[in-house]
Amino acid sequence: MNAIVHSRSKSEVWLAAVLLTLGFWLSASLLLDAVIVPCLSAAGMMAEAGFASTGYLIFGLFNHVELLCAAFVLVGTLVLTSDCLDRSQAKGAIALSLAMLAVVLLCTFVLTPQMSGLALALNQFATPAPMSSSLLLLHGVYWGLEGVKLLAGTALLLWHYRSLRAAA
């Protein structure tokens, strides 16, 4: 009797896993962006000469965790939308998942290396220079992409939560 598996229970497991992954991912992003980075900035650590390599390590590791989360959310969304009757909502959820993956790919492989490279102090004996205009521009792009990721993630979280409520 236990060998019989219903498709509804499989979709509920996928839904719960996607909701947990989205919750972890969005809360970790908010923790990093709204707590850790401002604390480091207020402590003056961002003005230190060695912060570029530390920042690259922190954000590089976090970006790779985000890649795993984005891939899992995309796969889970594809699985969950395969049985969805409303095709426009399904396409919207897939588009949001793809947008989140694109943001993470840009941050991981373009923005983080560029920002770290621009901030890297090549002369350890020189006084730290203030942020260049190109680095400030990249910071603006990063915060814009983070906003897109958080909005898309919240919309996707709400869509999956409504699916969970409708299934109950």
C-alpha atoms as a PDB file:
ATOM      1  CA  MET A   1       0.000   0.000   0.000  1.00  0.00           C
ATOM      2  CA  ASN A   2       2.829   2.414   0.732  1.00  0.00           C
ATOM      3  CA  ALA A   3       4.259   1.881  -2.748  1.00  0.00           C
ATOM      4  CA  ILE A   4       1.395   3.794  -4.359  1.00  0.00           C
ATOM      5  CA  VAL A   5       2.395   7.413  -4.872  1.00  0.00           C
ATOM      6  CA  HIS A   6      -0.148  10.006  -5.891  1.00  0.00           C
ATOM      7  CA  SER A   7       0.850  12.855  -8.194  1.00  0.00           C
ATOM      8  CA  ARG A   8      -0.793  15.345  -5.864  1.00  0.00           C
ATOM      9  CA  SER A   9       1.543  14.400  -3.013  1.00  0.00           C
ATOM     10  CA  LYS A  10       4.545  14.782  -5.334  1.00  0.00           C
ATOM     11  CA  SER A  11       3.451  18.262  -6.355  1.00  0.00           C
ATOM     12  CA  GLU A  12       2.886  19.209  -2.722  1.00  0.00           C
ATOM     13  CA  VAL A  13       6.419  18.091  -1.890  1.00  0.00           C
ATOM     14  CA  TRP A  14       7.800  20.134  -4.792  1.00  0.00           C
ATOM     15  CA  LEU A  15       5.712  23.115  -3.738  1.00  0.00           C
ATOM     16  CA  ALA A  16       6.948  22.935  -0.155  1.00  0.00           C
ATOM     17  CA  ALA A  17      10.558  22.570  -1.320  1.00  0.00           C
ATOM     18  CA  VAL A  18      10.275  25.549  -3.667  1.00  0.00           C
ATOM     19  CA  LEU A  19       8.633  27.673  -0.967  1.00  0.00           C
ATOM     20  CA  LEU A  20      11.372  26.786   1.532  1.00  0.00           C
ATOM     21  CA  THR A  21      14.106  27.495  -1.003  1.00  0.00           C
ATOM     22  CA  LEU A  22      12.592  30.843  -1.966  1.00  0.00           C
ATOM     23  CA  GLY A  23      12.140  31.775   1.689  1.00  0.00           C
ATOM     24  CA  PHE A  24      15.734  30.884   2.513  1.00  0.00           C
ATOM     25  CA  TRP A  25      17.102  32.650  -0.560  1.00  0.00           C
ATOM     26  CA  LEU A  26      15.162  35.891  -0.127  1.00  0.00           C
ATOM     27  CA  SER A  27      15.790  36.093   3.606  1.00  0.00           C
ATOM     28  CA  ALA A  28      19.518  35.425   3.143  1.00  0.00           C
ATOM     29  CA  SER A  29      19.672  38.136   0.463  1.00  0.00           C
ATOM     30  CA  LEU A  30      17.916  40.604   2.735  1.00  0.00           C
ATOM     31  CA  LEU A  31      20.204  39.686   5.619  1.00  0.00           C
ATOM     32  CA  LEU A  32      23.297  40.237   3.502  1.00  0.00           C
ATOM     33  CA  ASP A  33      22.071  43.424   1.814  1.00  0.00           C
ATOM     34  CA  ALA A  34      20.220  45.071   4.689  1.00  0.00           C
ATOM     35  CA  VAL A  35      22.273  43.988   7.726  1.00  0.00           C
ATOM     36  CA  ILE A  36      25.754  42.697   6.935  1.00  0.00           C
ATOM     37  CA  VAL A  37      26.792  45.174   4.215  1.00  0.00           C
ATOM     38  CA  PRO A  38      25.563  48.275   6.127  1.00  0.00           C
ATOM     39  CA  CYS A  39      27.324  47.040   9.288  1.00  0.00           C
ATOM     40  CA  LEU A  40      30.567  46.562   7.369  1.00  0.00           C
ATOM     41  CA  SER A  41      30.178  50.004   5.846  1.00  0.00           C
ATOM     42  CA  ALA A  42      29.411  51.668   9.187  1.00  0.00           C
ATOM     43  CA  ALA A  43      32.438  49.985  10.762  1.00  0.00           C
ATOM     44  CA  GLY A  44      34.643  51.445   8.031  1.00  0.00           C
ATOM     45  CA  MET A  45      35.752  48.090   6.725  1.00  0.00           C
ATOM     46  CA  MET A  46      34.784  48.931   3.148  1.00  0.00           C
ATOM     47  CA  ALA A  47      37.417  51.664   3.130  1.00  0.00           C
ATOM     48  CA  GLU A  48      40.174  49.213   4.099  1.00  0.00           C
ATOM     49  CA  ALA A  49      42.671  48.210   1.428  1.00  0.00           C
ATOM     50  CA  GLY A  50      42.041  44.458   1.805  1.00  0.00           C
ATOM     51  CA  PHE A  51      38.270  44.632   1.694  1.00  0.00           C
ATOM     52  CA  ALA A  52      38.035  43.961  -2.056  1.00  0.00           C
ATOM     53  CA  SER A  53      39.398  40.453  -1.675  1.00  0.00           C
ATOM     54  CA  THR A  54      37.241  39.817   1.399  1.00  0.00           C
ATOM     55  CA  GLY A  55      34.173  41.156  -0.384  1.00  0.00           C
ATOM     56  CA  TYR A  56      34.919  38.966  -3.381  1.00  0.00           C
ATOM     57  CA  LEU A  57      35.139  35.925  -1.125  1.00  0.00           C
ATOM     58  CA  ILE A  58      31.904  36.725   0.740  1.00  0.00           C
ATOM     59  CA  PHE A  59      29.867  37.643  -2.324  1.00  0.00           C
ATOM     60  CA  GLY A  60      31.415  34.918  -4.463  1.00  0.00           C
ATOM     61  CA  LEU A  61      30.380  32.218  -2.016  1.00  0.00           C
ATOM     62  CA  PHE A  62      26.936  33.707  -1.544  1.00  0.00           C
ATOM     63  CA  ASN A  63      26.448  34.057  -5.300  1.00  0.00           C
ATOM     64  CA  HIS A  64      27.188  30.367  -5.795  1.00  0.00           C
ATOM     65  CA  VAL A  65      24.630  29.443  -3.128  1.00  0.00           C
ATOM     66  CA  GLU A  66      22.221  31.729  -4.980  1.00  0.00           C
ATOM     67  CA  LEU A  67      22.950  29.865  -8.224  1.00  0.00           C
ATOM     68  CA  LEU A  68      21.905  26.609  -6.582  1.00  0.00           C
ATOM     69  CA  CYS A  69      18.742  28.216  -5.200  1.00  0.00           C
ATOM     70  CA  ALA A  70      17.879  29.794  -8.568  1.00  0.00           C
ATOM     71  CA  ALA A  71      18.357  26.515 -10.418  1.00  0.00           C
ATOM     72  CA  PHE A  72      16.228  24.619  -7.898  1.00  0.00           C
ATOM     73  CA  VAL A  73      13.462  27.246  -7.998  1.00  0.00           C
ATOM     74  CA  LEU A  74      13.429  27.151 -11.805  1.00  0.00           C
ATOM     75  CA  VAL A  75      13.240  23.352 -11.897  1.00  0.00           C
ATOM     76  CA  GLY A  76      10.563  23.315  -9.202  1.00  0.00           C
ATOM     77  CA  THR A  77       8.546  25.952 -11.029  1.00  0.00           C
ATOM     78  CA  LEU A  78       8.791  23.978 -14.276  1.00  0.00           C
ATOM     79  CA  VAL A  79       7.606  20.838 -12.485  1.00  0.00           C
ATOM     80  CA  LEU A  80       4.739  22.651 -10.771  1.00  0.00           C
ATOM     81  CA  THR A  81       3.566  24.515 -13.868  1.00  0.00           C
ATOM     82  CA  SER A  82       3.485  21.382 -16.015  1.00  0.00           C
ATOM     83  CA  ASP A  83       0.094  20.484 -14.498  1.00  0.00           C
ATOM     84  CA  CYS A  84      -1.159  24.068 -14.281  1.00  0.00           C
ATOM     85  CA  LEU A  85      -4.348  24.767 -16.193  1.00  0.00           C
ATOM     86  CA  ASP A  86      -3.837  28.529 -16.381  1.00  0.00           C
ATOM     87  CA  ARG A  87      -1.073  28.824 -18.998  1.00  0.00           C
ATOM     88  CA  SER A  88      -0.628  32.590 -18.640  1.00  0.00           C
ATOM     89  CA  GLN A  89       0.132  32.256 -14.921  1.00  0.00           C
ATOM     90  CA  ALA A  90       2.453  29.356 -15.643  1.00  0.00           C
ATOM     91  CA  LYS A  91       4.352  31.395 -18.236  1.00  0.00           C
ATOM     92  CA  GLY A  92       4.591  34.289 -15.788  1.00  0.00           C
ATOM     93  CA  ALA A  93       6.004  32.057 -13.045  1.00  0.00           C
ATOM     94  CA  ILE A  94       8.565  30.574 -15.444  1.00  0.00           C
ATOM     95  CA  ALA A  95       9.525  34.074 -16.635  1.00  0.00           C
ATOM     96  CA  LEU A  96      10.032  35.217 -13.030  1.00  0.00           C
ATOM     97  CA  SER A  97      12.193  32.167 -12.304  1.00  0.00           C
ATOM     98  CA  LEU A  98      14.277  32.788 -15.419  1.00  0.00           C
ATOM     99  CA  ALA A  99      14.646  36.474 -14.507  1.00  0.00           C
ATOM    100  CA  MET A 100      15.910  35.537 -11.069  1.00  0.00           C
ATOM    101  CA  LEU A 101      18.395  33.090 -12.582  1.00  0.00           C
ATOM    102  CA  ALA A 102      19.586  35.751 -15.046  1.00  0.00           C
ATOM    103  CA  VAL A 103      20.129  38.242 -12.213  1.00  0.00           C
ATOM    104  CA  VAL A 104      22.166  35.730 -10.240  1.00  0.00           C
ATOM    105  CA  LEU A 105      24.239  34.802 -13.300  1.00  0.00           C
ATOM    106  CA  LEU A 106      24.984  38.480 -13.953  1.00  0.00           C
ATOM    107  CA  CYS A 107      25.949  39.097 -10.336  1.00  0.00           C
ATOM    108  CA  THR A 108      28.088  35.967 -10.094  1.00  0.00           C
ATOM    109  CA  PHE A 109      29.994  36.131 -13.350  1.00  0.00           C
ATOM    110  CA  VAL A 110      29.971  39.822 -14.290  1.00  0.00           C
ATOM    111  CA  LEU A 111      29.343  42.240 -11.425  1.00  0.00           C
ATOM    112  CA  THR A 112      31.184  40.608  -8.518  1.00  0.00           C
ATOM    113  CA  PRO A 113      34.472  40.083 -10.430  1.00  0.00           C
ATOM    114  CA  GLN A 114      34.283  43.561 -11.977  1.00  0.00           C
ATOM    115  CA  MET A 115      33.548  45.295  -8.681  1.00  0.00           C
ATOM    116  CA  SER A 116      36.292  43.391  -6.898  1.00  0.00           C
ATOM    117  CA  GLY A 117      38.755  44.130  -9.665  1.00  0.00           C
ATOM    118  CA  LEU A 118      38.020  47.850  -9.595  1.00  0.00           C
ATOM    119  CA  ALA A 119      38.310  48.022  -5.806  1.00  0.00           C
ATOM    120  CA  LEU A 120      41.452  45.900  -5.547  1.00  0.00           C
ATOM    121  CA  ALA A 121      44.394  47.819  -4.079  1.00  0.00           C
ATOM    122  CA  LEU A 122      47.488  46.897  -6.067  1.00  0.00           C
ATOM    123  CA  ASN A 123      49.825  49.036  -3.960  1.00  0.00           C
ATOM    124  CA  GLN A 124      49.564  48.017  -0.324  1.00  0.00           C
ATOM    125  CA  PHE A 125      51.563  51.024   0.874  1.00  0.00           C
ATOM    126  CA  ALA A 126      49.362  53.654  -0.768  1.00  0.00           C
ATOM    127  CA  THR A 127      46.481  55.244   1.083  1.00  0.00           C
ATOM    128  CA  PRO A 128      43.101  53.809   0.077  1.00  0.00           C
ATOM    129  CA  ALA A 129      41.470  55.842  -2.673  1.00  0.00           C
ATOM    130  CA  PRO A 130      37.771  56.696  -2.564  1.00  0.00           C
ATOM    131  CA  MET A 131      35.398  54.723  -4.758  1.00  0.00           C
ATOM    132  CA  SER A 132      35.735  55.499  -8.427  1.00  0.00           C
ATOM    133  CA  SER A 133      32.746  56.593 -10.504  1.00  0.00           C
ATOM    134  CA  SER A 134      32.745  53.308 -12.415  1.00  0.00           C
ATOM    135  CA  LEU A 135      32.647  51.358  -9.130  1.00  0.00           C
ATOM    136  CA  LEU A 136      29.770  53.523  -7.919  1.00  0.00           C
ATOM    137  CA  LEU A 137      27.959  52.830 -11.188  1.00  0.00           C
ATOM    138  CA  LEU A 138      28.442  49.080 -10.728  1.00  0.00           C
ATOM    139  CA  HIS A 139      27.121  49.375  -7.172  1.00  0.00           C
ATOM    140  CA  GLY A 140      24.021  51.077  -8.564  1.00  0.00           C
ATOM    141  CA  VAL A 141      23.553  48.305 -11.122  1.00  0.00           C
ATOM    142  CA  TYR A 142      23.999  45.714  -8.370  1.00  0.00           C
ATOM    143  CA  TRP A 143      21.349  47.326  -6.155  1.00  0.00           C
ATOM    144  CA  GLY A 144      18.988  47.606  -9.116  1.00  0.00           C
ATOM    145  CA  LEU A 145      19.420  43.916  -9.910  1.00  0.00           C
ATOM    146  CA  GLU A 146      18.929  43.038  -6.243  1.00  0.00           C
ATOM    147  CA  GLY A 147      15.666  44.975  -6.302  1.00  0.00           C
ATOM    148  CA  VAL A 148      14.528  43.096  -9.414  1.00  0.00           C
ATOM    149  CA  LYS A 149      15.496  39.785  -7.801  1.00  0.00           C
ATOM    150  CA  LEU A 150      13.623  40.578  -4.579  1.00  0.00           C
ATOM    151  CA  LEU A 151      10.498  41.757  -6.418  1.00  0.00           C
ATOM    152  CA  ALA A 152      10.487  38.732  -8.726  1.00  0.00           C
ATOM    153  CA  GLY A 153      11.175  36.398  -5.819  1.00  0.00           C
ATOM    154  CA  THR A 154       8.368  37.895  -3.743  1.00  0.00           C
ATOM    155  CA  ALA A 155       5.933  37.608  -6.658  1.00  0.00           C
ATOM    156  CA  LEU A 156       6.983  34.008  -7.248  1.00  0.00           C
ATOM    157  CA  LEU A 157       6.725  33.229  -3.542  1.00  0.00           C
ATOM    158  CA  LEU A 158       3.191  34.634  -3.477  1.00  0.00           C
ATOM    159  CA  TRP A 159       2.246  32.687  -6.620  1.00  0.00           C
ATOM    160  CA  HIS A 160       3.488  29.416  -5.151  1.00  0.00           C
ATOM    161  CA  TYR A 161       1.867  30.176  -1.798  1.00  0.00           C
ATOM    162  CA  ARG A 162      -1.479  30.759  -3.521  1.00  0.00           C
ATOM    163  CA  SER A 163      -1.012  27.439  -5.306  1.00  0.00           C
ATOM    164  CA  LEU A 164      -0.460  25.798  -1.933  1.00  0.00           C
ATOM    165  CA  ARG A 165      -3.593  27.427  -0.496  1.00  0.00           C
ATOM    166  CA  ALA A 166      -5.637  26.382  -3.537  1.00  0.00           C
ATOM    167  CA  ALA A 167      -4.431  22.783  -3.202  1.00  0.00           C
ATOM    168  CA  ALA A 168      -5.463  22.610   0.455  1.00  0.00           C
END
